[in-house]
Structures are given as structure tokens and as C-alpha cells.
Amino acid sequence: MVETARRPTKLQLDLAKRIAALACEREWPIGHHLRESAIAEEFGVSRTPVRVALQLLADRGVVDSRPNQGFFLKKQLEQEATLKLPGARDDEIRDALLRDHASGKLPQNLIETDLLRLYNVRRSALTRILRSIAEEGLIKRRPGHGWSFVPSLGSQEARYESYRFRMMVEAMALIEPGFRLIPEKISQCRADHAAFLSEVERGASPHRFFEINSQFHLVLALCSHNRFVVQAVEAQNALRRLSEYAEYADLDRDTLRRSCQEHLQILDLLERGENQLAAELMRQHLARNIDA
């Protein structure tokens, strides 16, 4: 079996799982032609990540890759959980580690020997996972040995101050003199939201919306073309990942749908040049979370 040459990204792994889940849900028969264009339209993405995701499925023996013909379903999946993809184990452990910290199951300071036992993982994999989390600014090495989480939004007071800060920075960023939309990023942002809305009734992952949500706020910060706004939003996204990531599992469909639709309304206003209205909607959007 020929594996893909480069390590797949989290987006590509997620897309491969979603394609497999779709095949299961729609009960596609063996031999079904998985057309790149149709799948790209279904999930609101371009054909390039779809092609990589299909190749990942081919590497796992789920689909056949036929030269000059495309990809065809090789076997039927009874459930998405049966699909094993490279890197999926790392993501599972990473997510579990962040959830456990958010719920108070992990201490502020981490010792690798304890983590090896808790998550039943090889040392090389744990090192890779911890370095990945450190690159996101969520943990840092302690002098001597071990790791420690950065200060988070664990208290209600810190959460309140965080959202008040975001209301000031993110709302005002939309009326910065240098604000201008970055078309390709806005287009991708819209596509991600549209795909999520189409899936929310079928039980789309709330944690996936956390990623879409974080990216939305970062994209608008980038559109401000103010480096300090970007730094502030990146820092807040990192803090939210530590404190709010676990909470997303408890969000109901109506809350997820409303948040997603408000994001799209803000984009609509910005594309019409109504930045003052967009800034006010952003302020209201963030204010709803203060007492949530």
C-alpha cells in the first residue's frame, strides 16, 4: 500500500472522515464513483483538499484510485469509527489533553511520565504532540523538565475581562482606516460556515465549529491590516482553546446555528461596505457570551 508522501493536515484528515461518513450515511454501493467536483460542492471546499482526502482513503484501502478515471468506493463502512487514518491518534490525544485541562483533570504543570501513563502513548508521539501544542502558544517548557499550561480563562472574572477586551478590539478593528477584505480568505470562511450549517442537523461536531469560529475572528483581524489586532486575536484564540474548547461539546444546535448565521451576517455587512453596522453586530455577538 502506497502512503501519501507528506503528513496530512488536520483539515485533510477531517475531510477524509467526513467523506467516509457521507458514504456510510448515503449507503453508497461498492464501485460508486466518488467525483471530486460533487464532493467539493457538498462540503463547500475546493477540489484540491478533496483529492488529497480521497487519496488518504485510498491509502487505507477504502477506495480505489484508478488512473485517468478517479476514485471508486472499494468497501462499505458500517460506521465512521472504523476508519483509521495517519495522524488521527495524535489528534485524539491532543484533543483529550486539552479537554482534560479545561475540565480540571490535569494540573497546571505537566510531567511527561504521567502523560505517557494517562494517555497510553509512545514517548516519541507525546513529544510530537506537546511540541505541536507549544507551537500554538498553549503550553511552554518549564526550566529543567516538564511543561506548563499558559494562564487561561478559567475564572468567571477572567472570562468577563476577555470578552470585554474582545468587544473593544474586534469590533473597532472592523472600522480601522486600513480595513479591507481579503477575498480568498473571506471566500473560504463563507464556505466553511455554509458547509457546517448544512451538516448541523446531522450532528456536526461542535469542536469543528470551534475551529471555524476561531478562524472567522482571526480572518477579520487580518483584514484590519493592523499587526497588533492580529496578535491580540491570536492570543485570545489560544486562551479560548484552553478554557472553552471542552464547553463546545455541550452547545446545542440552535446555539451553533445562531452563532454561525451571525458570522455570515457580519460578512454580508462588510461586503456591502457597512462596517459601522458590522462593528455593532460584532459587539453584540461577543456580548452574548459574557454571561453564557
C-alpha atoms as a PDB file:
ATOM      1  CA  MET A   1       0.000   0.000   0.000  1.00  0.00           C
ATOM      2  CA  VAL A   2       1.420   3.356  -1.028  1.00  0.00           C
ATOM      3  CA  GLU A   3       1.075   6.062   1.628  1.00  0.00           C
ATOM      4  CA  THR A   4       0.759   9.758   0.811  1.00  0.00           C
ATOM      5  CA  ALA A   5       4.216  11.349   0.676  1.00  0.00           C
ATOM      6  CA  ARG A   6       3.579  14.228   3.079  1.00  0.00           C
ATOM      7  CA  ARG A   7       1.995  14.190   6.500  1.00  0.00           C
ATOM      8  CA  PRO A   8      -1.692  15.146   6.035  1.00  0.00           C
ATOM      9  CA  THR A   9      -3.043  18.257   7.684  1.00  0.00           C
ATOM     10  CA  LYS A  10      -5.840  18.222  10.261  1.00  0.00           C
ATOM     11  CA  LEU A  11      -8.195  19.681   7.624  1.00  0.00           C
ATOM     12  CA  GLN A  12      -7.390  16.889   5.169  1.00  0.00           C
ATOM     13  CA  LEU A  13      -7.866  14.215   7.838  1.00  0.00           C
ATOM     14  CA  ASP A  14     -11.167  15.758   8.875  1.00  0.00           C
ATOM     15  CA  LEU A  15     -12.349  15.907   5.265  1.00  0.00           C
ATOM     16  CA  ALA A  16     -11.440  12.244   4.714  1.00  0.00           C
ATOM     17  CA  LYS A  17     -13.524  11.280   7.740  1.00  0.00           C
ATOM     18  CA  ARG A  18     -16.440  13.378   6.521  1.00  0.00           C
ATOM     19  CA  ILE A  19     -16.332  11.735   3.090  1.00  0.00           C
ATOM     20  CA  ALA A  20     -16.312   8.285   4.707  1.00  0.00           C
ATOM     21  CA  ALA A  21     -19.223   9.294   6.948  1.00  0.00           C
ATOM     22  CA  LEU A  22     -21.149  10.566   3.922  1.00  0.00           C
ATOM     23  CA  ALA A  23     -20.567   7.284   2.083  1.00  0.00           C
ATOM     24  CA  CYS A  24     -21.910   5.446   5.127  1.00  0.00           C
ATOM     25  CA  GLU A  25     -24.899   7.755   5.575  1.00  0.00           C
ATOM     26  CA  ARG A  26     -25.989   7.556   1.921  1.00  0.00           C
ATOM     27  CA  GLU A  27     -25.194   3.855   1.676  1.00  0.00           C
ATOM     28  CA  TRP A  28     -23.141   4.187  -1.474  1.00  0.00           C
ATOM     29  CA  PRO A  29     -22.544   0.767  -3.054  1.00  0.00           C
ATOM     30  CA  ILE A  30     -19.145  -0.726  -3.756  1.00  0.00           C
ATOM     31  CA  GLY A  31     -17.917   0.684  -7.047  1.00  0.00           C
ATOM     32  CA  HIS A  32     -19.627   4.056  -6.524  1.00  0.00           C
ATOM     33  CA  HIS A  33     -17.714   6.842  -8.309  1.00  0.00           C
ATOM     34  CA  LEU A  34     -16.603   9.486  -5.795  1.00  0.00           C
ATOM     35  CA  ARG A  35     -16.498  12.545  -8.032  1.00  0.00           C
ATOM     36  CA  GLU A  36     -14.201  15.287  -6.755  1.00  0.00           C
ATOM     37  CA  SER A  37     -16.401  18.107  -8.038  1.00  0.00           C
ATOM     38  CA  ALA A  38     -19.559  16.742  -6.387  1.00  0.00           C
ATOM     39  CA  ILE A  39     -17.821  16.183  -3.044  1.00  0.00           C
ATOM     40  CA  ALA A  40     -16.206  19.630  -3.171  1.00  0.00           C
ATOM     41  CA  GLU A  41     -19.643  21.179  -3.733  1.00  0.00           C
ATOM     42  CA  GLU A  42     -21.176  19.053  -0.948  1.00  0.00           C
ATOM     43  CA  PHE A  43     -18.681  20.313   1.656  1.00  0.00           C
ATOM     44  CA  GLY A  44     -18.094  23.799   0.262  1.00  0.00           C
ATOM     45  CA  VAL A  45     -14.368  23.337  -0.378  1.00  0.00           C
ATOM     46  CA  SER A  46     -12.091  23.319  -3.404  1.00  0.00           C
ATOM     47  CA  ARG A  47     -11.219  20.149  -5.300  1.00  0.00           C
ATOM     48  CA  THR A  48      -7.582  20.117  -4.142  1.00  0.00           C
ATOM     49  CA  PRO A  49      -8.193  19.098  -0.469  1.00  0.00           C
ATOM     50  CA  VAL A  50     -10.869  16.659  -1.691  1.00  0.00           C
ATOM     51  CA  ARG A  51      -8.301  14.951  -3.917  1.00  0.00           C
ATOM     52  CA  VAL A  52      -5.857  14.633  -1.005  1.00  0.00           C
ATOM     53  CA  ALA A  53      -8.614  13.297   1.277  1.00  0.00           C
ATOM     54  CA  LEU A  54      -9.643  10.711  -1.308  1.00  0.00           C
ATOM     55  CA  GLN A  55      -6.018   9.623  -1.650  1.00  0.00           C
ATOM     56  CA  LEU A  56      -5.883   9.167   2.131  1.00  0.00           C
ATOM     57  CA  LEU A  57      -8.924   6.904   1.857  1.00  0.00           C
ATOM     58  CA  ALA A  58      -7.214   5.039  -0.977  1.00  0.00           C
ATOM     59  CA  ASP A  59      -4.130   4.580   1.230  1.00  0.00           C
ATOM     60  CA  ARG A  60      -6.368   2.970   3.858  1.00  0.00           C
ATOM     61  CA  GLY A  61      -7.987   0.632   1.319  1.00  0.00           C
ATOM     62  CA  VAL A  62     -11.387   2.315   1.496  1.00  0.00           C
ATOM     63  CA  VAL A  63     -11.450   3.500  -2.125  1.00  0.00           C
ATOM     64  CA  ASP A  64      -9.741   2.525  -5.371  1.00  0.00           C
ATOM     65  CA  SER A  65      -7.683   5.114  -7.210  1.00  0.00           C
ATOM     66  CA  ARG A  66      -7.866   4.402 -10.938  1.00  0.00           C
ATOM     67  CA  PRO A  67      -5.552   6.340 -13.277  1.00  0.00           C
ATOM     68  CA  ASN A  68      -7.436   8.757 -15.548  1.00  0.00           C
ATOM     69  CA  GLN A  69     -10.750   7.612 -14.054  1.00  0.00           C
ATOM     70  CA  GLY A  70     -10.855   8.833 -10.482  1.00  0.00           C
ATOM     71  CA  PHE A  71     -11.788   7.277  -7.159  1.00  0.00           C
ATOM     72  CA  PHE A  72     -14.285   4.465  -6.574  1.00  0.00           C
ATOM     73  CA  LEU A  73     -15.634   3.028  -3.335  1.00  0.00           C
ATOM     74  CA  LYS A  74     -13.832  -0.219  -2.570  1.00  0.00           C
ATOM     75  CA  LYS A  75     -15.671  -1.286   0.575  1.00  0.00           C
ATOM     76  CA  GLN A  76     -18.671  -0.161   2.557  1.00  0.00           C
ATOM     77  CA  LEU A  77     -18.170   1.282   6.019  1.00  0.00           C
ATOM     78  CA  GLU A  78     -20.571   0.366   8.793  1.00  0.00           C
ATOM     79  CA  GLN A  79     -19.541   3.349  10.891  1.00  0.00           C
ATOM     80  CA  GLU A  80     -17.132   6.255  10.707  1.00  0.00           C
ATOM     81  CA  ALA A  81     -15.288   4.997  13.798  1.00  0.00           C
ATOM     82  CA  THR A  82     -13.887   2.081  11.815  1.00  0.00           C
ATOM     83  CA  LEU A  83     -11.790   4.453   9.722  1.00  0.00           C
ATOM     84  CA  LYS A  84      -8.154   4.690  10.809  1.00  0.00           C
ATOM     85  CA  LEU A  85      -6.125   7.496   9.311  1.00  0.00           C
ATOM     86  CA  PRO A  86      -2.482   8.534   9.798  1.00  0.00           C
ATOM     87  CA  GLY A  87      -2.188  11.203  12.450  1.00  0.00           C
ATOM     88  CA  ALA A  88      -5.685  10.611  13.814  1.00  0.00           C
ATOM     89  CA  ARG A  89      -4.280   9.165  17.052  1.00  0.00           C
ATOM     90  CA  ASP A  90      -2.196  12.311  17.628  1.00  0.00           C
ATOM     91  CA  ASP A  91      -5.283  14.474  17.184  1.00  0.00           C
ATOM     92  CA  GLU A  92      -7.312  12.328  19.581  1.00  0.00           C
ATOM     93  CA  ILE A  93      -4.670  12.588  22.301  1.00  0.00           C
ATOM     94  CA  ARG A  94      -4.170  16.300  21.716  1.00  0.00           C
ATOM     95  CA  ASP A  95      -7.906  16.972  21.983  1.00  0.00           C
ATOM     96  CA  ALA A  96      -8.200  14.760  25.077  1.00  0.00           C
ATOM     97  CA  LEU A  97      -5.317  16.588  26.743  1.00  0.00           C
ATOM     98  CA  LEU A  98      -6.899  19.991  26.095  1.00  0.00           C
ATOM     99  CA  ARG A  99     -10.320  18.805  27.252  1.00  0.00           C
ATOM    100  CA  ASP A 100      -8.869  17.307  30.425  1.00  0.00           C
ATOM    101  CA  HIS A 101      -7.081  20.543  31.238  1.00  0.00           C
ATOM    102  CA  ALA A 102     -10.215  22.604  30.616  1.00  0.00           C
ATOM    103  CA  SER A 103     -12.249  20.332  32.904  1.00  0.00           C
ATOM    104  CA  GLY A 104      -9.629  20.465  35.679  1.00  0.00           C
ATOM    105  CA  LYS A 105      -8.451  16.864  35.316  1.00  0.00           C
ATOM    106  CA  LEU A 106      -4.891  17.926  34.530  1.00  0.00           C
ATOM    107  CA  PRO A 107      -2.703  20.143  36.732  1.00  0.00           C
ATOM    108  CA  GLN A 108      -1.125  23.359  35.507  1.00  0.00           C
ATOM    109  CA  ASN A 109       2.301  21.708  35.378  1.00  0.00           C
ATOM    110  CA  LEU A 110       2.725  18.578  33.281  1.00  0.00           C
ATOM    111  CA  ILE A 111       5.194  15.728  33.743  1.00  0.00           C
ATOM    112  CA  GLU A 112       5.761  13.600  30.656  1.00  0.00           C
ATOM    113  CA  THR A 113       5.947  10.299  32.538  1.00  0.00           C
ATOM    114  CA  ASP A 114       2.468  10.969  33.932  1.00  0.00           C
ATOM    115  CA  LEU A 115       1.122  11.803  30.473  1.00  0.00           C
ATOM    116  CA  LEU A 116       2.634   8.637  28.990  1.00  0.00           C
ATOM    117  CA  ARG A 117       0.689   6.601  31.516  1.00  0.00           C
ATOM    118  CA  LEU A 118      -2.548   8.577  31.320  1.00  0.00           C
ATOM    119  CA  TYR A 119      -2.855   8.543  27.530  1.00  0.00           C
ATOM    120  CA  ASN A 120      -1.087   5.257  26.765  1.00  0.00           C
ATOM    121  CA  VAL A 121       1.103   6.855  24.118  1.00  0.00           C
ATOM    122  CA  ARG A 122       4.695   6.358  22.948  1.00  0.00           C
ATOM    123  CA  ARG A 123       7.228   8.925  24.111  1.00  0.00           C
ATOM    124  CA  SER A 124       8.069   9.982  20.537  1.00  0.00           C
ATOM    125  CA  ALA A 125       4.376  10.609  19.791  1.00  0.00           C
ATOM    126  CA  LEU A 126       3.876  12.507  23.065  1.00  0.00           C
ATOM    127  CA  THR A 127       6.867  14.733  22.317  1.00  0.00           C
ATOM    128  CA  ARG A 128       5.427  15.467  18.871  1.00  0.00           C
ATOM    129  CA  ILE A 129       2.009  16.301  20.341  1.00  0.00           C
ATOM    130  CA  LEU A 130       3.414  18.548  23.080  1.00  0.00           C
ATOM    131  CA  ARG A 131       5.582  20.436  20.603  1.00  0.00           C
ATOM    132  CA  SER A 132       2.534  20.961  18.389  1.00  0.00           C
ATOM    133  CA  ILE A 133       0.536  22.373  21.327  1.00  0.00           C
ATOM    134  CA  ALA A 134       3.506  24.564  22.288  1.00  0.00           C
ATOM    135  CA  GLU A 135       3.608  25.994  18.746  1.00  0.00           C
ATOM    136  CA  GLU A 136       0.028  27.169  19.307  1.00  0.00           C
ATOM    137  CA  GLY A 137       1.185  29.019  22.413  1.00  0.00           C
ATOM    138  CA  LEU A 138      -0.890  26.893  24.805  1.00  0.00           C
ATOM    139  CA  ILE A 139       1.940  25.332  26.806  1.00  0.00           C
ATOM    140  CA  LYS A 140       5.590  26.117  27.411  1.00  0.00           C
ATOM    141  CA  ARG A 141       8.607  24.200  28.652  1.00  0.00           C
ATOM    142  CA  ARG A 142       9.441  24.526  32.303  1.00  0.00           C
ATOM    143  CA  PRO A 143      13.029  25.143  33.420  1.00  0.00           C
ATOM    144  CA  GLY A 144      14.669  21.765  33.886  1.00  0.00           C
ATOM    145  CA  HIS A 145      11.931  19.414  32.737  1.00  0.00           C
ATOM    146  CA  GLY A 146       8.230  19.181  32.082  1.00  0.00           C
ATOM    147  CA  TRP A 147       5.694  21.554  30.603  1.00  0.00           C
ATOM    148  CA  SER A 148       3.168  24.047  31.949  1.00  0.00           C
ATOM    149  CA  PHE A 149      -0.035  25.480  30.547  1.00  0.00           C
ATOM    150  CA  VAL A 150      -0.122  29.206  29.929  1.00  0.00           C
ATOM    151  CA  PRO A 151      -2.567  31.202  32.111  1.00  0.00           C
ATOM    152  CA  SER A 152      -6.104  30.557  30.874  1.00  0.00           C
ATOM    153  CA  LEU A 153      -9.604  31.981  31.193  1.00  0.00           C
ATOM    154  CA  GLY A 154     -10.537  29.591  33.967  1.00  0.00           C
ATOM    155  CA  SER A 155     -12.276  32.073  36.263  1.00  0.00           C
ATOM    156  CA  GLN A 156     -15.529  33.893  35.542  1.00  0.00           C
ATOM    157  CA  GLU A 157     -13.749  37.190  36.127  1.00  0.00           C
ATOM    158  CA  ALA A 158     -11.054  36.375  33.558  1.00  0.00           C
ATOM    159  CA  ARG A 159     -13.702  35.248  31.062  1.00  0.00           C
ATOM    160  CA  TYR A 160     -15.620  38.512  31.541  1.00  0.00           C
ATOM    161  CA  GLU A 161     -12.488  40.606  31.049  1.00  0.00           C
ATOM    162  CA  SER A 162     -11.561  38.578  27.968  1.00  0.00           C
ATOM    163  CA  TYR A 163     -14.876  39.194  26.242  1.00  0.00           C
ATOM    164  CA  ARG A 164     -14.880  42.877  27.207  1.00  0.00           C
ATOM    165  CA  PHE A 165     -11.389  43.126  25.709  1.00  0.00           C
ATOM    166  CA  ARG A 166     -12.515  41.338  22.552  1.00  0.00           C
ATOM    167  CA  MET A 167     -15.532  43.637  22.211  1.00  0.00           C
ATOM    168  CA  MET A 168     -13.173  46.617  22.229  1.00  0.00           C
ATOM    169  CA  VAL A 169     -10.564  45.163  19.883  1.00  0.00           C
ATOM    170  CA  GLU A 170     -12.556  43.085  17.414  1.00  0.00           C
ATOM    171  CA  ALA A 171     -15.472  45.477  16.956  1.00  0.00           C
ATOM    172  CA  MET A 172     -13.181  48.502  16.483  1.00  0.00           C
ATOM    173  CA  ALA A 173     -10.967  46.513  14.113  1.00  0.00           C
ATOM    174  CA  LEU A 174     -13.810  46.475  11.586  1.00  0.00           C
ATOM    175  CA  ILE A 175     -13.714  50.277  11.287  1.00  0.00           C
ATOM    176  CA  GLU A 176      -9.933  50.619  11.159  1.00  0.00           C
ATOM    177  CA  PRO A 177      -8.841  53.054   8.386  1.00  0.00           C
ATOM    178  CA  GLY A 178      -6.810  50.281   6.773  1.00  0.00           C
ATOM    179  CA  PHE A 179      -9.561  47.644   6.938  1.00  0.00           C
ATOM    180  CA  ARG A 180     -10.083  45.846   3.650  1.00  0.00           C
ATOM    181  CA  LEU A 181     -11.388  42.380   2.955  1.00  0.00           C
ATOM    182  CA  ILE A 182      -9.046  39.637   1.775  1.00  0.00           C
ATOM    183  CA  PRO A 183     -11.251  37.941  -0.864  1.00  0.00           C
ATOM    184  CA  GLU A 184      -9.742  34.452  -0.807  1.00  0.00           C
ATOM    185  CA  LYS A 185      -9.879  34.235   2.997  1.00  0.00           C
ATOM    186  CA  ILE A 186     -13.453  35.564   3.144  1.00  0.00           C
ATOM    187  CA  SER A 187     -14.488  33.084   0.457  1.00  0.00           C
ATOM    188  CA  GLN A 188     -13.010  30.157   2.386  1.00  0.00           C
ATOM    189  CA  CYS A 189     -14.587  31.432   5.599  1.00  0.00           C
ATOM    190  CA  ARG A 190     -18.013  31.537   3.936  1.00  0.00           C
ATOM    191  CA  ALA A 191     -17.539  28.051   2.504  1.00  0.00           C
ATOM    192  CA  ASP A 192     -16.630  26.612   5.911  1.00  0.00           C
ATOM    193  CA  HIS A 193     -19.702  28.189   7.518  1.00  0.00           C
ATOM    194  CA  ALA A 194     -22.034  27.059   4.733  1.00  0.00           C
ATOM    195  CA  ALA A 195     -20.724  23.500   4.987  1.00  0.00           C
ATOM    196  CA  PHE A 196     -21.189  23.487   8.745  1.00  0.00           C
ATOM    197  CA  LEU A 197     -24.766  24.803   8.507  1.00  0.00           C
ATOM    198  CA  SER A 198     -25.605  22.047   6.023  1.00  0.00           C
ATOM    199  CA  GLU A 199     -24.318  19.441   8.471  1.00  0.00           C
ATOM    200  CA  VAL A 200     -25.550  20.795  11.816  1.00  0.00           C
ATOM    201  CA  GLU A 201     -28.861  18.921  11.639  1.00  0.00           C
ATOM    202  CA  ARG A 202     -26.942  15.687  11.107  1.00  0.00           C
ATOM    203  CA  GLY A 203     -24.925  16.206  14.258  1.00  0.00           C
ATOM    204  CA  ALA A 204     -21.892  18.158  13.016  1.00  0.00           C
ATOM    205  CA  SER A 205     -19.042  18.264  15.512  1.00  0.00           C
ATOM    206  CA  PRO A 206     -19.252  21.285  17.859  1.00  0.00           C
ATOM    207  CA  HIS A 207     -15.481  21.118  18.195  1.00  0.00           C
ATOM    208  CA  ARG A 208     -15.224  21.594  14.450  1.00  0.00           C
ATOM    209  CA  PHE A 209     -17.211  24.796  14.840  1.00  0.00           C
ATOM    210  CA  PHE A 210     -14.717  25.930  17.472  1.00  0.00           C
ATOM    211  CA  GLU A 211     -12.071  25.822  14.727  1.00  0.00           C
ATOM    212  CA  ILE A 212     -14.343  27.595  12.213  1.00  0.00           C
ATOM    213  CA  ASN A 213     -15.235  30.192  14.856  1.00  0.00           C
ATOM    214  CA  SER A 214     -11.612  30.889  15.763  1.00  0.00           C
ATOM    215  CA  GLN A 215     -10.651  31.187  12.107  1.00  0.00           C
ATOM    216  CA  PHE A 216     -13.516  33.634  11.447  1.00  0.00           C
ATOM    217  CA  HIS A 217     -12.321  36.026  14.141  1.00  0.00           C
ATOM    218  CA  LEU A 218      -8.707  35.707  13.004  1.00  0.00           C
ATOM    219  CA  VAL A 219      -9.590  36.372   9.351  1.00  0.00           C
ATOM    220  CA  LEU A 220     -11.360  39.621  10.262  1.00  0.00           C
ATOM    221  CA  ALA A 221      -8.356  40.613  12.377  1.00  0.00           C
ATOM    222  CA  LEU A 222      -6.126  40.017   9.359  1.00  0.00           C
ATOM    223  CA  CYS A 223      -8.454  42.183   7.262  1.00  0.00           C
ATOM    224  CA  SER A 224      -7.830  45.065   9.683  1.00  0.00           C
ATOM    225  CA  HIS A 225      -4.200  45.029   8.473  1.00  0.00           C
ATOM    226  CA  ASN A 226      -3.172  46.033  11.984  1.00  0.00           C
ATOM    227  CA  ARG A 227      -0.474  43.716  13.331  1.00  0.00           C
ATOM    228  CA  PHE A 228      -1.392  44.402  16.948  1.00  0.00           C
ATOM    229  CA  VAL A 229      -5.033  43.473  16.374  1.00  0.00           C
ATOM    230  CA  VAL A 230      -3.877  40.227  14.795  1.00  0.00           C
ATOM    231  CA  GLN A 231      -1.579  39.467  17.742  1.00  0.00           C
ATOM    232  CA  ALA A 232      -4.389  40.173  20.216  1.00  0.00           C
ATOM    233  CA  VAL A 233      -6.871  37.885  18.455  1.00  0.00           C
ATOM    234  CA  GLU A 234      -4.293  35.106  18.103  1.00  0.00           C
ATOM    235  CA  ALA A 235      -3.585  35.317  21.829  1.00  0.00           C
ATOM    236  CA  GLN A 236      -7.292  35.247  22.697  1.00  0.00           C
ATOM    237  CA  ASN A 237      -7.874  32.261  20.400  1.00  0.00           C
ATOM    238  CA  ALA A 238      -5.110  30.390  22.208  1.00  0.00           C
ATOM    239  CA  LEU A 239      -6.571  31.198  25.626  1.00  0.00           C
ATOM    240  CA  ARG A 240     -10.056  30.184  24.465  1.00  0.00           C
ATOM    241  CA  ARG A 241      -8.725  26.847  23.250  1.00  0.00           C
ATOM    242  CA  LEU A 242      -7.582  26.103  26.777  1.00  0.00           C
ATOM    243  CA  SER A 243     -10.728  27.222  28.588  1.00  0.00           C
ATOM    244  CA  GLU A 244     -13.649  26.990  26.161  1.00  0.00           C
ATOM    245  CA  TYR A 245     -12.767  24.056  23.904  1.00  0.00           C
ATOM    246  CA  ALA A 246     -14.396  21.485  26.199  1.00  0.00           C
ATOM    247  CA  GLU A 247     -17.532  23.621  26.578  1.00  0.00           C
ATOM    248  CA  TYR A 248     -18.295  23.400  22.858  1.00  0.00           C
ATOM    249  CA  ALA A 249     -19.302  19.744  23.257  1.00  0.00           C
ATOM    250  CA  ASP A 250     -22.328  20.927  25.281  1.00  0.00           C
ATOM    251  CA  LEU A 251     -23.581  23.540  22.807  1.00  0.00           C
ATOM    252  CA  ASP A 252     -26.974  22.774  21.274  1.00  0.00           C
ATOM    253  CA  ARG A 253     -27.779  23.001  17.579  1.00  0.00           C
ATOM    254  CA  ASP A 254     -29.704  26.262  17.915  1.00  0.00           C
ATOM    255  CA  THR A 255     -26.748  27.994  19.568  1.00  0.00           C
ATOM    256  CA  LEU A 256     -24.323  26.693  16.953  1.00  0.00           C
ATOM    257  CA  ARG A 257     -26.660  27.684  14.127  1.00  0.00           C
ATOM    258  CA  ARG A 258     -27.250  31.191  15.516  1.00  0.00           C
ATOM    259  CA  SER A 259     -23.547  31.858  16.003  1.00  0.00           C
ATOM    260  CA  CYS A 260     -22.779  30.632  12.505  1.00  0.00           C
ATOM    261  CA  GLN A 261     -25.532  32.783  10.975  1.00  0.00           C
ATOM    262  CA  GLU A 262     -24.355  35.870  12.876  1.00  0.00           C
ATOM    263  CA  HIS A 263     -20.881  35.377  11.454  1.00  0.00           C
ATOM    264  CA  LEU A 264     -22.359  35.295   7.950  1.00  0.00           C
ATOM    265  CA  GLN A 265     -24.433  38.434   8.665  1.00  0.00           C
ATOM    266  CA  ILE A 266     -21.265  40.267   9.707  1.00  0.00           C
ATOM    267  CA  LEU A 267     -19.587  39.199   6.468  1.00  0.00           C
ATOM    268  CA  ASP A 268     -22.636  40.378   4.479  1.00  0.00           C
ATOM    269  CA  LEU A 269     -22.433  43.830   6.062  1.00  0.00           C
ATOM    270  CA  LEU A 270     -18.691  44.096   5.469  1.00  0.00           C
ATOM    271  CA  GLU A 271     -19.036  43.099   1.829  1.00  0.00           C
ATOM    272  CA  ARG A 272     -21.644  45.852   1.395  1.00  0.00           C
ATOM    273  CA  GLY A 273     -19.274  48.357   2.993  1.00  0.00           C
ATOM    274  CA  GLU A 274     -21.475  48.795   6.077  1.00  0.00           C
ATOM    275  CA  ASN A 275     -18.597  48.471   8.526  1.00  0.00           C
ATOM    276  CA  GLN A 276     -20.197  50.513  11.319  1.00  0.00           C
ATOM    277  CA  LEU A 277     -23.195  48.159  11.400  1.00  0.00           C
ATOM    278  CA  ALA A 278     -20.871  45.168  11.204  1.00  0.00           C
ATOM    279  CA  ALA A 279     -18.903  46.504  14.188  1.00  0.00           C
ATOM    280  CA  GLU A 280     -22.091  46.894  16.236  1.00  0.00           C
ATOM    281  CA  LEU A 281     -23.226  43.363  15.353  1.00  0.00           C
ATOM    282  CA  MET A 282     -19.792  42.051  16.321  1.00  0.00           C
ATOM    283  CA  ARG A 283     -20.061  43.823  19.676  1.00  0.00           C
ATOM    284  CA  GLN A 284     -23.496  42.286  20.293  1.00  0.00           C
ATOM    285  CA  HIS A 285     -22.290  38.886  19.115  1.00  0.00           C
ATOM    286  CA  LEU A 286     -19.442  38.854  21.642  1.00  0.00           C
ATOM    287  CA  ALA A 287     -21.544  40.348  24.435  1.00  0.00           C
ATOM    288  CA  ARG A 288     -23.871  37.332  24.379  1.00  0.00           C
ATOM    289  CA  ASN A 289     -21.015  35.155  25.607  1.00  0.00           C
ATOM    290  CA  ILE A 290     -20.147  37.187  28.702  1.00  0.00           C
ATOM    291  CA  ASP A 291     -22.754  35.533  30.918  1.00  0.00           C
ATOM    292  CA  ALA A 292     -23.067  32.305  28.905  1.00  0.00           C
END
